[in-house]
Amino acid sequence: MKKILDSKLGIVLTAVFCNLLWGSAYPSIKIGYSLFDITNSVSEKLFFAGLRFAAAGIMVLAAAVVVNKKVPVLNRNNAGQITVIGLIYTALQYVFFYIGLSNTTGANGSIVNSSTTFMALAAGYFVYKEHVGIKKAIGAVIGFAGVLIVFLGNGIGGVSFTGEGFILIAAACFVAGSMLSKSAAASTDAMTVTGYNLLIGGLVLLVAGIAGGGVIDTVNTKGILILIYLAFLSAAAFTLWTMLLKKTSVGSISVFNFIIPVSGTILSAVFMKENIYNLRYLISLVLVCIGIVLVNGSGEKR
């Protein structure tokens, strides 16, 4: 895998794969809610999320044992940092993500979540002092206009803070977690960072769900398969993304996040029968993609 990431094509294909997986999470979570009969109970959603990420963490750590021939361990140099990553990147992000997604459509959620690209650009400017030229600035404005169309498409009264608003907060947690993971991965194996990040965050979500009385009464084979898939996509995508962050900056690979709203919207239409045959969605997706291309492909100095 490390050899693949040494080439530009390998980085591109890996980034595409990660974002396809994340895009598929939108309809998968919705389907999971239906199969496990989870409705408006926040505690049940947190419990469901906790199962997913704790299982994903175990998958990554088990894979690390096979690959590295030893059990990955935390030490006093990285334990605190990885714990913080788990709390922000997994627990906090997905508290907002799961609740937000249950209060909006999969298509809306995937498009609003594309704001990670523009947040990453802002973080690069303010945190890493990266150059932002006119084309990048215009691209950010155009792309974010596409996100705003989702918010305002049904009028101001249609905006849901606990829906699209929570998805936006989750996106901010993703960017913050990416920067922290990049820092941690500089001195610790990516699988160790990812595995414990997911496990710690998943356990926090589980405890929160249980504390609120969250349980899943309806269990069936299809639901278990969806849960396993969600755990796998998290394990694979977050591990590969952390490896990518060791090779490049948060902002430079954020261009590939446009795949999330595109694949999330299409897959939501296919599996959830959501109506995306609306001019608002088309305009929004086009603006988001144009904005991201301008931001990351402007040819300006980074």
Protein backbone atom coordinates (compact mmCIF):
# COMPACT_ATOMS: atom_id res chain seq x y z
CA MET A 1 0.00 0.00 0.00
CA LYS A 2 2.83 2.40 0.85
CA LYS A 3 4.33 1.84 -2.62
CA ILE A 4 0.98 2.72 -4.23
CA LEU A 5 0.87 6.01 -2.30
CA ASP A 6 4.32 6.91 -3.60
CA SER A 7 2.83 7.64 -7.02
CA LYS A 8 0.51 10.48 -8.00
CA LEU A 9 -1.91 8.05 -9.65
CA GLY A 10 -1.96 5.92 -6.51
CA ILE A 11 -2.81 8.94 -4.37
CA VAL A 12 -5.61 9.93 -6.76
CA LEU A 13 -7.14 6.43 -6.89
CA THR A 14 -6.91 6.02 -3.11
CA ALA A 15 -8.55 9.40 -2.48
CA VAL A 16 -11.34 8.56 -4.95
CA PHE A 17 -11.92 5.19 -3.25
CA CYS A 18 -12.11 6.80 0.22
CA ASN A 19 -14.68 9.33 -0.87
CA LEU A 20 -16.79 6.76 -2.69
CA LEU A 21 -16.94 4.81 0.56
CA TRP A 22 -17.92 7.90 2.56
CA GLY A 23 -20.57 8.78 -0.02
CA SER A 24 -22.12 5.33 0.35
CA ALA A 25 -22.50 5.93 4.10
CA TYR A 26 -25.44 8.29 3.59
CA PRO A 27 -27.98 5.80 2.21
CA SER A 28 -26.44 2.98 4.28
CA ILE A 29 -27.09 4.78 7.57
CA LYS A 30 -30.65 5.58 6.50
CA ILE A 31 -31.21 1.93 5.57
CA GLY A 32 -29.70 0.88 8.90
CA TYR A 33 -32.14 3.10 10.78
CA SER A 34 -35.00 1.44 8.95
CA LEU A 35 -33.77 -2.15 9.42
CA PHE A 36 -33.09 -1.68 13.15
CA ASP A 37 -36.34 0.26 13.58
CA ILE A 38 -34.53 3.36 14.85
CA THR A 39 -36.77 6.41 14.57
CA ASN A 40 -36.28 9.66 16.48
CA SER A 41 -34.45 8.30 19.51
CA VAL A 42 -31.12 10.11 19.83
CA SER A 43 -29.79 7.51 22.27
CA GLU A 44 -30.53 4.67 19.82
CA LYS A 45 -28.71 6.54 17.05
CA LEU A 46 -25.68 7.05 19.28
CA PHE A 47 -25.76 3.39 20.28
CA PHE A 48 -25.90 2.39 16.59
CA ALA A 49 -23.00 4.73 15.76
CA GLY A 50 -21.00 3.39 18.71
CA LEU A 51 -21.39 -0.20 17.52
CA ARG A 52 -20.26 0.82 14.04
CA PHE A 53 -17.11 2.67 15.07
CA ALA A 54 -16.05 0.36 17.88
CA ALA A 55 -16.29 -2.53 15.40
CA ALA A 56 -14.36 -0.48 12.82
CA GLY A 57 -11.60 0.21 15.36
CA ILE A 58 -11.33 -3.49 16.16
CA MET A 59 -11.12 -4.28 12.43
CA VAL A 60 -8.24 -1.83 11.94
CA LEU A 61 -6.31 -3.01 15.01
CA ALA A 62 -6.78 -6.65 13.98
CA ALA A 63 -5.50 -5.82 10.50
CA ALA A 64 -2.52 -4.03 12.08
CA VAL A 65 -1.63 -7.19 14.00
CA VAL A 66 -1.66 -9.19 10.74
CA VAL A 67 0.34 -6.58 8.79
CA ASN A 68 2.87 -5.60 11.46
CA LYS A 69 3.05 -8.95 13.29
CA LYS A 70 2.50 -7.22 16.63
CA VAL A 71 -0.29 -5.68 18.70
CA PRO A 72 -0.39 -1.87 18.27
CA VAL A 73 -0.20 -0.11 21.64
CA LEU A 74 -0.62 3.40 22.93
CA ASN A 75 2.19 5.00 24.89
CA ARG A 76 2.62 8.14 26.94
CA ASN A 77 3.81 10.02 23.86
CA ASN A 78 0.75 9.41 21.70
CA ALA A 79 -2.09 8.29 24.01
CA GLY A 80 -3.33 11.78 24.82
CA GLN A 81 -3.22 13.00 21.24
CA ILE A 82 -4.98 9.93 19.82
CA THR A 83 -7.64 10.12 22.54
CA VAL A 84 -8.39 13.73 21.56
CA ILE A 85 -8.60 12.64 17.91
CA GLY A 86 -11.06 9.91 18.87
CA LEU A 87 -13.24 12.38 20.76
CA ILE A 88 -13.31 14.95 17.92
CA TYR A 89 -12.85 12.92 14.73
CA THR A 90 -15.18 10.09 15.68
CA ALA A 91 -17.33 10.77 18.75
CA LEU A 92 -18.16 14.46 18.33
CA GLN A 93 -18.29 14.38 14.53
CA TYR A 94 -20.72 11.51 14.45
CA VAL A 95 -22.94 12.73 17.26
CA PHE A 96 -23.75 15.63 14.95
CA PHE A 97 -23.59 13.54 11.77
CA TYR A 98 -26.02 10.81 12.83
CA ILE A 99 -28.54 13.19 14.37
CA GLY A 100 -28.24 15.60 11.47
CA LEU A 101 -28.68 12.92 8.83
CA SER A 102 -31.86 11.69 10.52
CA ASN A 103 -33.33 15.19 10.17
CA THR A 104 -32.60 15.71 6.48
CA THR A 105 -32.40 13.67 3.29
CA GLY A 106 -29.32 11.69 2.31
CA ALA A 107 -28.95 13.89 -0.78
CA ASN A 108 -29.13 17.15 1.23
CA GLY A 109 -26.73 15.83 3.84
CA SER A 110 -24.12 14.73 1.32
CA ILE A 111 -24.14 18.08 -0.47
CA VAL A 112 -23.93 20.16 2.72
CA ASN A 113 -21.08 17.95 3.93
CA SER A 114 -19.08 19.05 0.89
CA SER A 115 -18.30 22.21 2.87
CA THR A 116 -15.34 20.24 4.29
CA THR A 117 -13.41 21.32 1.19
CA PHE A 118 -13.88 25.00 1.91
CA MET A 119 -13.25 24.59 5.62
CA ALA A 120 -9.99 22.81 4.76
CA LEU A 121 -9.04 25.73 2.51
CA ALA A 122 -9.74 28.21 5.32
CA ALA A 123 -7.79 26.07 7.80
CA GLY A 124 -4.85 25.98 5.39
CA TYR A 125 -4.87 29.77 5.15
CA PHE A 126 -5.27 30.57 8.84
CA VAL A 127 -3.38 27.65 10.39
CA TYR A 128 -0.69 26.80 7.82
CA LYS A 129 -0.51 30.24 6.15
CA GLU A 130 -1.07 28.73 2.71
CA HIS A 131 -1.46 31.14 -0.20
CA VAL A 132 -5.04 31.78 -1.36
CA GLY A 133 -5.28 33.58 -4.69
CA ILE A 134 -8.19 35.08 -6.60
CA LYS A 135 -9.15 31.84 -8.37
CA LYS A 136 -9.20 29.90 -5.13
CA ALA A 137 -11.26 32.59 -3.44
CA ILE A 138 -13.77 32.65 -6.31
CA GLY A 139 -13.90 28.87 -6.29
CA ALA A 140 -14.67 28.84 -2.57
CA VAL A 141 -17.49 31.36 -3.05
CA ILE A 142 -18.99 29.44 -5.99
CA GLY A 143 -18.74 26.10 -4.23
CA PHE A 144 -20.22 27.34 -0.98
CA ALA A 145 -23.04 28.94 -2.97
CA GLY A 146 -23.92 25.41 -4.01
CA VAL A 147 -24.07 24.39 -0.35
CA LEU A 148 -26.26 27.40 0.48
CA ILE A 149 -28.73 26.40 -2.23
CA VAL A 150 -29.48 23.27 -0.19
CA PHE A 151 -30.07 25.39 2.91
CA LEU A 152 -32.27 27.98 1.23
CA GLY A 153 -33.90 25.90 -1.48
CA ASN A 154 -37.19 25.69 0.40
CA GLY A 155 -36.95 29.21 1.84
CA ILE A 156 -35.39 30.34 5.12
CA GLY A 157 -38.14 28.68 7.11
CA GLY A 158 -37.08 25.31 5.69
CA VAL A 159 -33.60 25.39 7.20
CA SER A 160 -33.15 22.85 10.00
CA PHE A 161 -30.38 23.52 12.50
CA THR A 162 -30.63 19.94 13.78
CA GLY A 163 -30.52 18.66 10.20
CA GLU A 164 -28.29 20.51 7.73
CA GLY A 165 -26.84 22.61 10.57
CA PHE A 166 -25.61 19.55 12.46
CA ILE A 167 -24.13 18.12 9.25
CA LEU A 168 -22.18 21.38 8.87
CA ILE A 169 -20.81 21.07 12.43
CA ALA A 170 -19.85 17.45 11.70
CA ALA A 171 -17.93 18.66 8.64
CA ALA A 172 -15.96 21.07 10.82
CA CYS A 173 -15.09 18.21 13.18
CA PHE A 174 -13.88 16.18 10.19
CA VAL A 175 -11.48 18.93 9.11
CA ALA A 176 -10.18 19.43 12.66
CA GLY A 177 -9.77 15.67 13.07
CA SER A 178 -7.92 15.42 9.74
CA MET A 179 -5.38 18.01 10.84
CA LEU A 180 -4.88 16.29 14.20
CA SER A 181 -4.52 12.90 12.49
CA LYS A 182 -1.93 14.29 10.09
CA SER A 183 0.10 15.49 13.08
CA ALA A 184 -0.23 12.19 14.94
CA ALA A 185 0.57 10.06 11.87
CA ALA A 186 3.90 11.85 11.49
CA SER A 187 5.26 9.92 14.47
CA THR A 188 2.86 6.96 14.84
CA ASP A 189 1.76 4.21 12.44
CA ALA A 190 -1.42 5.23 10.56
CA MET A 191 -3.24 2.02 11.49
CA THR A 192 -2.53 2.58 15.18
CA VAL A 193 -3.81 6.16 14.98
CA THR A 194 -6.93 5.14 13.07
CA GLY A 195 -7.70 1.98 15.04
CA TYR A 196 -7.58 3.59 18.47
CA ASN A 197 -9.26 6.76 17.18
CA LEU A 198 -12.25 4.72 15.96
CA LEU A 199 -12.31 2.42 18.99
CA ILE A 200 -12.13 5.24 21.56
CA GLY A 201 -14.69 7.35 19.71
CA GLY A 202 -16.96 4.33 19.22
CA LEU A 203 -16.85 3.43 22.91
CA VAL A 204 -17.71 7.02 23.87
CA LEU A 205 -20.71 6.90 21.53
CA LEU A 206 -21.76 3.52 22.94
CA VAL A 207 -21.60 4.75 26.53
CA ALA A 208 -23.55 7.90 25.61
CA GLY A 209 -26.20 5.81 23.89
CA ILE A 210 -26.51 3.36 26.77
CA ALA A 211 -26.62 6.21 29.32
CA GLY A 212 -29.59 7.63 27.44
CA GLY A 213 -31.37 4.28 27.43
CA GLY A 214 -30.55 3.45 23.84
CA VAL A 215 -31.00 -0.16 22.79
CA ILE A 216 -31.73 -1.90 19.51
CA ASP A 217 -34.69 -4.23 19.91
CA THR A 218 -35.08 -5.16 16.25
CA VAL A 219 -32.20 -7.33 15.02
CA ASN A 220 -32.11 -9.07 11.66
CA THR A 221 -29.59 -10.41 9.17
CA LYS A 222 -29.88 -7.50 6.74
CA GLY A 223 -29.36 -5.02 9.55
CA ILE A 224 -26.25 -6.84 10.78
CA LEU A 225 -24.83 -6.89 7.24
CA ILE A 226 -25.40 -3.13 6.90
CA LEU A 227 -23.67 -2.57 10.25
CA ILE A 228 -20.69 -4.69 9.15
CA TYR A 229 -20.48 -2.73 5.89
CA LEU A 230 -20.58 0.60 7.73
CA ALA A 231 -17.82 -0.59 10.06
CA PHE A 232 -15.73 -1.77 7.10
CA LEU A 233 -16.09 1.48 5.15
CA SER A 234 -15.01 3.47 8.21
CA ALA A 235 -12.06 1.18 8.88
CA ALA A 236 -10.88 1.28 5.26
CA ALA A 237 -11.57 4.95 4.46
CA PHE A 238 -10.14 6.44 7.65
CA THR A 239 -7.01 4.27 7.54
CA LEU A 240 -6.30 5.13 3.91
CA TRP A 241 -7.11 8.81 4.46
CA THR A 242 -4.66 8.98 7.37
CA MET A 243 -2.01 7.42 5.12
CA LEU A 244 -2.79 10.05 2.47
CA LEU A 245 -2.42 12.84 5.01
CA LYS A 246 1.14 11.68 5.65
CA LYS A 247 1.89 12.24 1.95
CA THR A 248 0.12 15.54 1.32
CA SER A 249 -1.74 18.43 2.98
CA VAL A 250 -5.35 18.48 4.17
CA GLY A 251 -6.23 21.12 1.58
CA SER A 252 -4.59 19.48 -1.42
CA ILE A 253 -6.61 16.26 -1.23
CA SER A 254 -9.85 17.98 -0.26
CA VAL A 255 -10.62 18.31 -4.00
CA PHE A 256 -11.71 14.68 -3.96
CA ASN A 257 -14.44 15.39 -1.41
CA PHE A 258 -16.66 16.43 -4.34
CA ILE A 259 -17.16 12.70 -4.89
CA ILE A 260 -19.07 12.49 -1.58
CA PRO A 261 -22.04 14.69 -2.58
CA VAL A 262 -22.15 13.20 -6.07
CA SER A 263 -22.02 9.55 -4.97
CA GLY A 264 -24.12 10.22 -1.86
CA THR A 265 -26.86 11.84 -3.91
CA ILE A 266 -26.88 9.17 -6.62
CA LEU A 267 -26.80 6.27 -4.15
CA SER A 268 -29.55 7.88 -2.05
CA ALA A 269 -31.69 8.03 -5.17
CA VAL A 270 -30.93 4.40 -6.07
CA PHE A 271 -31.36 2.79 -2.64
CA MET A 272 -33.62 5.21 -0.75
CA LYS A 273 -35.83 6.20 -3.69
CA GLU A 274 -35.23 9.86 -2.81
CA ASN A 275 -36.36 12.37 -5.40
CA ILE A 276 -33.28 14.13 -6.80
CA TYR A 277 -34.88 15.07 -10.12
CA ASN A 278 -34.98 18.67 -9.04
CA LEU A 279 -33.21 21.64 -10.65
CA ARG A 280 -32.01 22.75 -7.20
CA TYR A 281 -29.94 19.57 -6.72
CA LEU A 282 -28.44 19.78 -10.20
CA ILE A 283 -27.41 23.45 -9.77
CA SER A 284 -26.05 22.74 -6.29
CA LEU A 285 -23.93 19.79 -7.42
CA VAL A 286 -22.58 21.68 -10.43
CA LEU A 287 -21.61 24.70 -8.31
CA VAL A 288 -19.98 22.53 -5.65
CA CYS A 289 -17.89 20.67 -8.24
CA ILE A 290 -16.89 23.85 -10.11
CA GLY A 291 -15.87 25.45 -6.83
CA ILE A 292 -13.72 22.54 -5.75
CA VAL A 293 -11.99 22.31 -9.13
CA LEU A 294 -11.18 26.04 -9.00
CA VAL A 295 -9.94 25.83 -5.42
CA ASN A 296 -7.65 22.87 -6.02
CA GLY A 297 -6.84 23.13 -9.70
CA SER A 298 -6.20 26.82 -10.06
CA GLY A 299 -2.51 26.31 -10.73
CA GLU A 300 -1.65 28.92 -8.13
CA LYS A 301 1.14 28.46 -5.67
CA ARG A 302 0.05 26.51 -2.60
